[in-house]
Amino acid sequence: MLNPVIPGVELEKFKHETVLYKEAHNDQLFNISIGIEANGLLLVVDNESGEVKLENHERNSFEIISENLSK
């Protein structure tokens, strides 16, 4: 489940979460976390391709769920 975000309201939280995500991924931002699913998987967007994926960090795996945010 994704919660709606009003533009500009939760920017500091997003920045903090992005820093934590980067630290957990060897200081790399190949993906940006944009939410979390009810089952605990992260919803991420690939910075190069724009693909939307579910990330299982424990298994180091990704499942592509959309080619981009508009589909």
PDB file of N, CA and C in Angstrom:
ATOM      1  N   MET A   1       0.834  -1.168   0.000  1.00  0.00           N
ATOM      2  CA  MET A   1       0.000   0.000   0.000  1.00  0.00           C
ATOM      3  C   MET A   1       0.884   1.238   0.000  1.00  0.00           C
ATOM      4  N   LEU A   2       0.615   2.145  -0.894  1.00  0.00           N
ATOM      5  CA  LEU A   2       1.341   3.407  -0.940  1.00  0.00           C
ATOM      6  C   LEU A   2       0.464   4.506  -0.373  1.00  0.00           C
ATOM      7  N   ASN A   3       1.055   5.323   0.458  1.00  0.00           N
ATOM      8  CA  ASN A   3       0.325   6.454   1.007  1.00  0.00           C
ATOM      9  C   ASN A   3       0.551   7.664   0.129  1.00  0.00           C
ATOM     10  N   PRO A   4      -0.489   8.465  -0.092  1.00  0.00           N
ATOM     11  CA  PRO A   4      -0.320   9.670  -0.908  1.00  0.00           C
ATOM     12  C   PRO A   4       0.584  10.668  -0.197  1.00  0.00           C
ATOM     13  N   VAL A   5       1.298  11.433  -0.985  1.00  0.00           N
ATOM     14  CA  VAL A   5       2.192  12.453  -0.440  1.00  0.00           C
ATOM     15  C   VAL A   5       1.849  13.785  -1.094  1.00  0.00           C
ATOM     16  N   ILE A   6       1.647  14.783  -0.279  1.00  0.00           N
ATOM     17  CA  ILE A   6       1.382  16.127  -0.783  1.00  0.00           C
ATOM     18  C   ILE A   6       2.726  16.755  -1.137  1.00  0.00           C
ATOM     19  N   PRO A   7       2.874  17.298  -2.351  1.00  0.00           N
ATOM     20  CA  PRO A   7       4.166  17.875  -2.759  1.00  0.00           C
ATOM     21  C   PRO A   7       4.712  18.870  -1.745  1.00  0.00           C
ATOM     22  N   GLY A   8       5.991  18.682  -1.406  1.00  0.00           N
ATOM     23  CA  GLY A   8       6.699  19.596  -0.521  1.00  0.00           C
ATOM     24  C   GLY A   8       6.505  19.337   0.961  1.00  0.00           C
ATOM     25  N   VAL A   9       5.534  18.506   1.339  1.00  0.00           N
ATOM     26  CA  VAL A   9       5.245  18.309   2.750  1.00  0.00           C
ATOM     27  C   VAL A   9       6.222  17.334   3.405  1.00  0.00           C
ATOM     28  N   GLU A  10       6.561  16.268   2.730  1.00  0.00           N
ATOM     29  CA  GLU A  10       7.418  15.250   3.334  1.00  0.00           C
ATOM     30  C   GLU A  10       8.787  15.176   2.665  1.00  0.00           C
ATOM     31  N   LEU A  11       9.283  16.283   2.174  1.00  0.00           N
ATOM     32  CA  LEU A  11      10.553  16.301   1.456  1.00  0.00           C
ATOM     33  C   LEU A  11      11.716  15.884   2.343  1.00  0.00           C
ATOM     34  N   GLU A  12      11.776  16.355   3.571  1.00  0.00           N
ATOM     35  CA  GLU A  12      12.884  16.003   4.469  1.00  0.00           C
ATOM     36  C   GLU A  12      12.887  14.510   4.776  1.00  0.00           C
ATOM     37  N   LYS A  13      11.718  13.928   4.971  1.00  0.00           N
ATOM     38  CA  LYS A  13      11.634  12.486   5.218  1.00  0.00           C
ATOM     39  C   LYS A  13      12.128  11.714   4.001  1.00  0.00           C
ATOM     40  N   PHE A  14      11.729  12.153   2.804  1.00  0.00           N
ATOM     41  CA  PHE A  14      12.173  11.491   1.577  1.00  0.00           C
ATOM     42  C   PHE A  14      13.696  11.575   1.441  1.00  0.00           C
ATOM     43  N   LYS A  15      14.259  12.749   1.719  1.00  0.00           N
ATOM     44  CA  LYS A  15      15.717  12.911   1.644  1.00  0.00           C
ATOM     45  C   LYS A  15      16.410  11.968   2.617  1.00  0.00           C
ATOM     46  N   HIS A  16      15.889  11.888   3.836  1.00  0.00           N
ATOM     47  CA  HIS A  16      16.478  11.005   4.852  1.00  0.00           C
ATOM     48  C   HIS A  16      16.397   9.544   4.421  1.00  0.00           C
ATOM     49  N   GLU A  17      15.240   9.132   3.930  1.00  0.00           N
ATOM     50  CA  GLU A  17      15.071   7.744   3.464  1.00  0.00           C
ATOM     51  C   GLU A  17      16.004   7.432   2.295  1.00  0.00           C
ATOM     52  N   THR A  18      16.230   8.411   1.424  1.00  0.00           N
ATOM     53  CA  THR A  18      17.131   8.212   0.290  1.00  0.00           C
ATOM     54  C   THR A  18      18.563   8.022   0.766  1.00  0.00           C
ATOM     55  N   VAL A  19      18.980   8.785   1.764  1.00  0.00           N
ATOM     56  CA  VAL A  19      20.326   8.626   2.341  1.00  0.00           C
ATOM     57  C   VAL A  19      20.469   7.233   2.938  1.00  0.00           C
ATOM     58  N   LEU A  20      19.476   6.787   3.680  1.00  0.00           N
ATOM     59  CA  LEU A  20      19.525   5.445   4.276  1.00  0.00           C
ATOM     60  C   LEU A  20      19.562   4.358   3.204  1.00  0.00           C
ATOM     61  N   TYR A  21      18.776   4.527   2.151  1.00  0.00           N
ATOM     62  CA  TYR A  21      18.756   3.562   1.047  1.00  0.00           C
ATOM     63  C   TYR A  21      20.138   3.497   0.388  1.00  0.00           C
ATOM     64  N   LYS A  22      20.730   4.656   0.156  1.00  0.00           N
ATOM     65  CA  LYS A  22      22.054   4.717  -0.470  1.00  0.00           C
ATOM     66  C   LYS A  22      23.095   4.020   0.401  1.00  0.00           C
ATOM     67  N   GLU A  23      23.062   4.272   1.700  1.00  0.00           N
ATOM     68  CA  GLU A  23      24.008   3.636   2.616  1.00  0.00           C
ATOM     69  C   GLU A  23      23.856   2.118   2.614  1.00  0.00           C
ATOM     70  N   ALA A  24      22.630   1.637   2.495  1.00  0.00           N
ATOM     71  CA  ALA A  24      22.370   0.193   2.487  1.00  0.00           C
ATOM     72  C   ALA A  24      22.761  -0.465   1.167  1.00  0.00           C
ATOM     73  N   HIS A  25      23.094   0.355   0.157  1.00  0.00           N
ATOM     74  CA  HIS A  25      23.435  -0.160  -1.170  1.00  0.00           C
ATOM     75  C   HIS A  25      24.820   0.315  -1.610  1.00  0.00           C
ATOM     76  N   ASN A  26      25.774   0.225  -0.691  1.00  0.00           N
ATOM     77  CA  ASN A  26      27.181   0.542  -0.982  1.00  0.00           C
ATOM     78  C   ASN A  26      27.359   1.938  -1.570  1.00  0.00           C
ATOM     79  N   ASP A  27      26.611   2.900  -1.030  1.00  0.00           N
ATOM     80  CA  ASP A  27      26.669   4.301  -1.477  1.00  0.00           C
ATOM     81  C   ASP A  27      26.386   4.468  -2.966  1.00  0.00           C
ATOM     82  N   GLN A  28      25.528   3.604  -3.508  1.00  0.00           N
ATOM     83  CA  GLN A  28      25.116   3.671  -4.910  1.00  0.00           C
ATOM     84  C   GLN A  28      23.628   3.991  -4.969  1.00  0.00           C
ATOM     85  N   LEU A  29      23.233   4.763  -5.965  1.00  0.00           N
ATOM     86  CA  LEU A  29      21.816   5.037  -6.175  1.00  0.00           C
ATOM     87  C   LEU A  29      21.418   4.639  -7.598  1.00  0.00           C
ATOM     88  N   PHE A  30      21.518   3.338  -7.881  1.00  0.00           N
ATOM     89  CA  PHE A  30      21.052   2.842  -9.169  1.00  0.00           C
ATOM     90  C   PHE A  30      19.528   2.874  -9.219  1.00  0.00           C
ATOM     91  N   ASN A  31      18.913   2.788  -8.033  1.00  0.00           N
ATOM     92  CA  ASN A  31      17.469   2.845  -7.892  1.00  0.00           C
ATOM     93  C   ASN A  31      17.122   3.870  -6.820  1.00  0.00           C
ATOM     94  N   ILE A  32      15.902   4.396  -6.895  1.00  0.00           N
ATOM     95  CA  ILE A  32      15.395   5.303  -5.875  1.00  0.00           C
ATOM     96  C   ILE A  32      14.150   4.667  -5.273  1.00  0.00           C
ATOM     97  N   SER A  33      14.135   4.537  -3.976  1.00  0.00           N
ATOM     98  CA  SER A  33      12.981   3.991  -3.285  1.00  0.00           C
ATOM     99  C   SER A  33      11.870   5.036  -3.257  1.00  0.00           C
ATOM    100  N   ILE A  34      10.675   4.622  -3.695  1.00  0.00           N
ATOM    101  CA  ILE A  34       9.548   5.566  -3.688  1.00  0.00           C
ATOM    102  C   ILE A  34       8.397   5.069  -2.818  1.00  0.00           C
ATOM    103  N   GLY A  35       8.580   3.921  -2.189  1.00  0.00           N
ATOM    104  CA  GLY A  35       7.524   3.422  -1.319  1.00  0.00           C
ATOM    105  C   GLY A  35       7.823   2.019  -0.836  1.00  0.00           C
ATOM    106  N   ILE A  36       6.892   1.498  -0.060  1.00  0.00           N
ATOM    107  CA  ILE A  36       7.032   0.142   0.462  1.00  0.00           C
ATOM    108  C   ILE A  36       5.689  -0.561   0.298  1.00  0.00           C
ATOM    109  N   GLU A  37       5.752  -1.816  -0.116  1.00  0.00           N
ATOM    110  CA  GLU A  37       4.540  -2.600  -0.305  1.00  0.00           C
ATOM    111  C   GLU A  37       4.117  -3.223   1.012  1.00  0.00           C
ATOM    112  N   ALA A  38       2.874  -3.653   1.091  1.00  0.00           N
ATOM    113  CA  ALA A  38       2.329  -4.233   2.318  1.00  0.00           C
ATOM    114  C   ALA A  38       3.133  -5.447   2.791  1.00  0.00           C
ATOM    115  N   ASN A  39       3.743  -6.179   1.851  1.00  0.00           N
ATOM    116  CA  ASN A  39       4.517  -7.367   2.221  1.00  0.00           C
ATOM    117  C   ASN A  39       5.967  -7.029   2.585  1.00  0.00           C
ATOM    118  N   GLY A  40       6.319  -5.740   2.621  1.00  0.00           N
ATOM    119  CA  GLY A  40       7.653  -5.326   3.053  1.00  0.00           C
ATOM    120  C   GLY A  40       8.649  -5.101   1.938  1.00  0.00           C
ATOM    121  N   LEU A  41       8.293  -5.388   0.701  1.00  0.00           N
ATOM    122  CA  LEU A  41       9.204  -5.138  -0.412  1.00  0.00           C
ATOM    123  C   LEU A  41       9.217  -3.649  -0.743  1.00  0.00           C
ATOM    124  N   LEU A  42      10.388  -3.157  -1.129  1.00  0.00           N
ATOM    125  CA  LEU A  42      10.503  -1.758  -1.516  1.00  0.00           C
ATOM    126  C   LEU A  42      10.063  -1.556  -2.952  1.00  0.00           C
ATOM    127  N   LEU A  43       9.380  -0.460  -3.205  1.00  0.00           N
ATOM    128  CA  LEU A  43       9.027  -0.051  -4.556  1.00  0.00           C
ATOM    129  C   LEU A  43      10.089   0.941  -4.993  1.00  0.00           C
ATOM    130  N   VAL A  44      10.811   0.615  -6.062  1.00  0.00           N
ATOM    131  CA  VAL A  44      11.919   1.450  -6.510  1.00  0.00           C
ATOM    132  C   VAL A  44      11.792   1.767  -7.990  1.00  0.00           C
ATOM    133  N   VAL A  45      12.455   2.858  -8.397  1.00  0.00           N
ATOM    134  CA  VAL A  45      12.530   3.246  -9.801  1.00  0.00           C
ATOM    135  C   VAL A  45      13.993   3.205 -10.206  1.00  0.00           C
ATOM    136  N   ASP A  46      14.283   2.511 -11.298  1.00  0.00           N
ATOM    137  CA  ASP A  46      15.638   2.428 -11.834  1.00  0.00           C
ATOM    138  C   ASP A  46      16.022   3.783 -12.425  1.00  0.00           C
ATOM    139  N   ASN A  47      17.151   4.331 -11.989  1.00  0.00           N
ATOM    140  CA  ASN A  47      17.590   5.655 -12.430  1.00  0.00           C
ATOM    141  C   ASN A  47      17.954   5.722 -13.908  1.00  0.00           C
ATOM    142  N   GLU A  48      18.339   4.617 -14.505  1.00  0.00           N
ATOM    143  CA  GLU A  48      18.736   4.629 -15.913  1.00  0.00           C
ATOM    144  C   GLU A  48      17.580   4.288 -16.846  1.00  0.00           C
ATOM    145  N   SER A  49      16.875   3.212 -16.550  1.00  0.00           N
ATOM    146  CA  SER A  49      15.847   2.730 -17.471  1.00  0.00           C
ATOM    147  C   SER A  49      14.456   3.289 -17.161  1.00  0.00           C
ATOM    148  N   GLY A  50      14.232   3.720 -15.930  1.00  0.00           N
ATOM    149  CA  GLY A  50      12.910   4.178 -15.524  1.00  0.00           C
ATOM    150  C   GLY A  50      11.978   3.046 -15.111  1.00  0.00           C
ATOM    151  N   GLU A  51      12.471   1.803 -15.151  1.00  0.00           N
ATOM    152  CA  GLU A  51      11.649   0.665 -14.760  1.00  0.00           C
ATOM    153  C   GLU A  51      11.232   0.781 -13.300  1.00  0.00           C
ATOM    154  N   VAL A  52      10.009   0.359 -13.023  1.00  0.00           N
ATOM    155  CA  VAL A  52       9.508   0.303 -11.662  1.00  0.00           C
ATOM    156  C   VAL A  52       9.652  -1.142 -11.208  1.00  0.00           C
ATOM    157  N   LYS A  53      10.274  -1.317 -10.037  1.00  0.00           N
ATOM    158  CA  LYS A  53      10.585  -2.672  -9.576  1.00  0.00           C
ATOM    159  C   LYS A  53      10.248  -2.835  -8.104  1.00  0.00           C
ATOM    160  N   LEU A  54      10.021  -4.076  -7.715  1.00  0.00           N
ATOM    161  CA  LEU A  54       9.933  -4.441  -6.313  1.00  0.00           C
ATOM    162  C   LEU A  54      11.285  -5.003  -5.910  1.00  0.00           C
ATOM    163  N   GLU A  55      11.822  -4.498  -4.812  1.00  0.00           N
ATOM    164  CA  GLU A  55      13.142  -4.938  -4.349  1.00  0.00           C
ATOM    165  C   GLU A  55      13.023  -5.746  -3.074  1.00  0.00           C
ATOM    166  N   ASN A  56      13.636  -6.917  -3.092  1.00  0.00           N
ATOM    167  CA  ASN A  56      13.792  -7.722  -1.886  1.00  0.00           C
ATOM    168  C   ASN A  56      15.255  -7.604  -1.498  1.00  0.00           C
ATOM    169  N   HIS A  57      15.546  -6.721  -0.554  1.00  0.00           N
ATOM    170  CA  HIS A  57      16.942  -6.438  -0.187  1.00  0.00           C
ATOM    171  C   HIS A  57      17.619  -7.656   0.431  1.00  0.00           C
ATOM    172  N   GLU A  58      16.883  -8.441   1.208  1.00  0.00           N
ATOM    173  CA  GLU A  58      17.460  -9.620   1.849  1.00  0.00           C
ATOM    174  C   GLU A  58      17.933 -10.643   0.825  1.00  0.00           C
ATOM    175  N   ARG A  59      17.209 -10.781  -0.265  1.00  0.00           N
ATOM    176  CA  ARG A  59      17.568 -11.743  -1.313  1.00  0.00           C
ATOM    177  C   ARG A  59      18.364 -11.105  -2.446  1.00  0.00           C
ATOM    178  N   ASN A  60      18.553  -9.778  -2.353  1.00  0.00           N
ATOM    179  CA  ASN A  60      19.255  -9.037  -3.405  1.00  0.00           C
ATOM    180  C   ASN A  60      18.622  -9.311  -4.768  1.00  0.00           C
ATOM    181  N   SER A  61      17.281  -9.172  -4.804  1.00  0.00           N
ATOM    182  CA  SER A  61      16.561  -9.450  -6.051  1.00  0.00           C
ATOM    183  C   SER A  61      15.559  -8.341  -6.359  1.00  0.00           C
ATOM    184  N   PHE A  62      15.236  -8.240  -7.630  1.00  0.00           N
ATOM    185  CA  PHE A  62      14.291  -7.251  -8.121  1.00  0.00           C
ATOM    186  C   PHE A  62      13.281  -7.936  -9.038  1.00  0.00           C
ATOM    187  N   GLU A  63      12.042  -7.466  -8.974  1.00  0.00           N
ATOM    188  CA  GLU A  63      11.002  -7.924  -9.895  1.00  0.00           C
ATOM    189  C   GLU A  63      10.470  -6.692 -10.618  1.00  0.00           C
ATOM    190  N   ILE A  64      10.630  -6.655 -11.934  1.00  0.00           N
ATOM    191  CA  ILE A  64      10.131  -5.527 -12.718  1.00  0.00           C
ATOM    192  C   ILE A  64       8.613  -5.628 -12.789  1.00  0.00           C
ATOM    193  N   ILE A  65       7.939  -4.549 -12.390  1.00  0.00           N
ATOM    194  CA  ILE A  65       6.483  -4.558 -12.436  1.00  0.00           C
ATOM    195  C   ILE A  65       5.922  -3.581 -13.470  1.00  0.00           C
ATOM    196  N   SER A  66       6.787  -2.688 -14.003  1.00  0.00           N
ATOM    197  CA  SER A  66       6.348  -1.760 -15.046  1.00  0.00           C
ATOM    198  C   SER A  66       7.571  -1.213 -15.782  1.00  0.00           C
ATOM    199  N   GLU A  67       7.386  -0.919 -17.050  1.00  0.00           N
ATOM    200  CA  GLU A  67       8.485  -0.363 -17.838  1.00  0.00           C
ATOM    201  C   GLU A  67       8.837   1.047 -17.397  1.00  0.00           C
ATOM    202  N   ASN A  68       7.849   1.793 -16.878  1.00  0.00           N
ATOM    203  CA  ASN A  68       8.102   3.137 -16.366  1.00  0.00           C
ATOM    204  C   ASN A  68       6.903   3.569 -15.510  1.00  0.00           C
ATOM    205  N   LEU A  69       6.990   4.753 -14.925  1.00  0.00           N
ATOM    206  CA  LEU A  69       5.932   5.226 -14.026  1.00  0.00           C
ATOM    207  C   LEU A  69       4.615   5.509 -14.721  1.00  0.00           C
ATOM    208  N   SER A  70       4.639   5.746 -16.020  1.00  0.00           N
ATOM    209  CA  SER A  70       3.408   6.112 -16.714  1.00  0.00           C
ATOM    210  C   SER A  70       2.601   4.903 -17.205  1.00  0.00           C
ATOM    211  N   LYS A  71       3.076   3.706 -17.000  1.00  0.00           N
ATOM    212  CA  LYS A  71       2.359   2.518 -17.467  1.00  0.00           C
ATOM    213  C   LYS A  71       1.796   1.730 -16.331  1.00  0.00           C
TER     214      LYS A  71
END
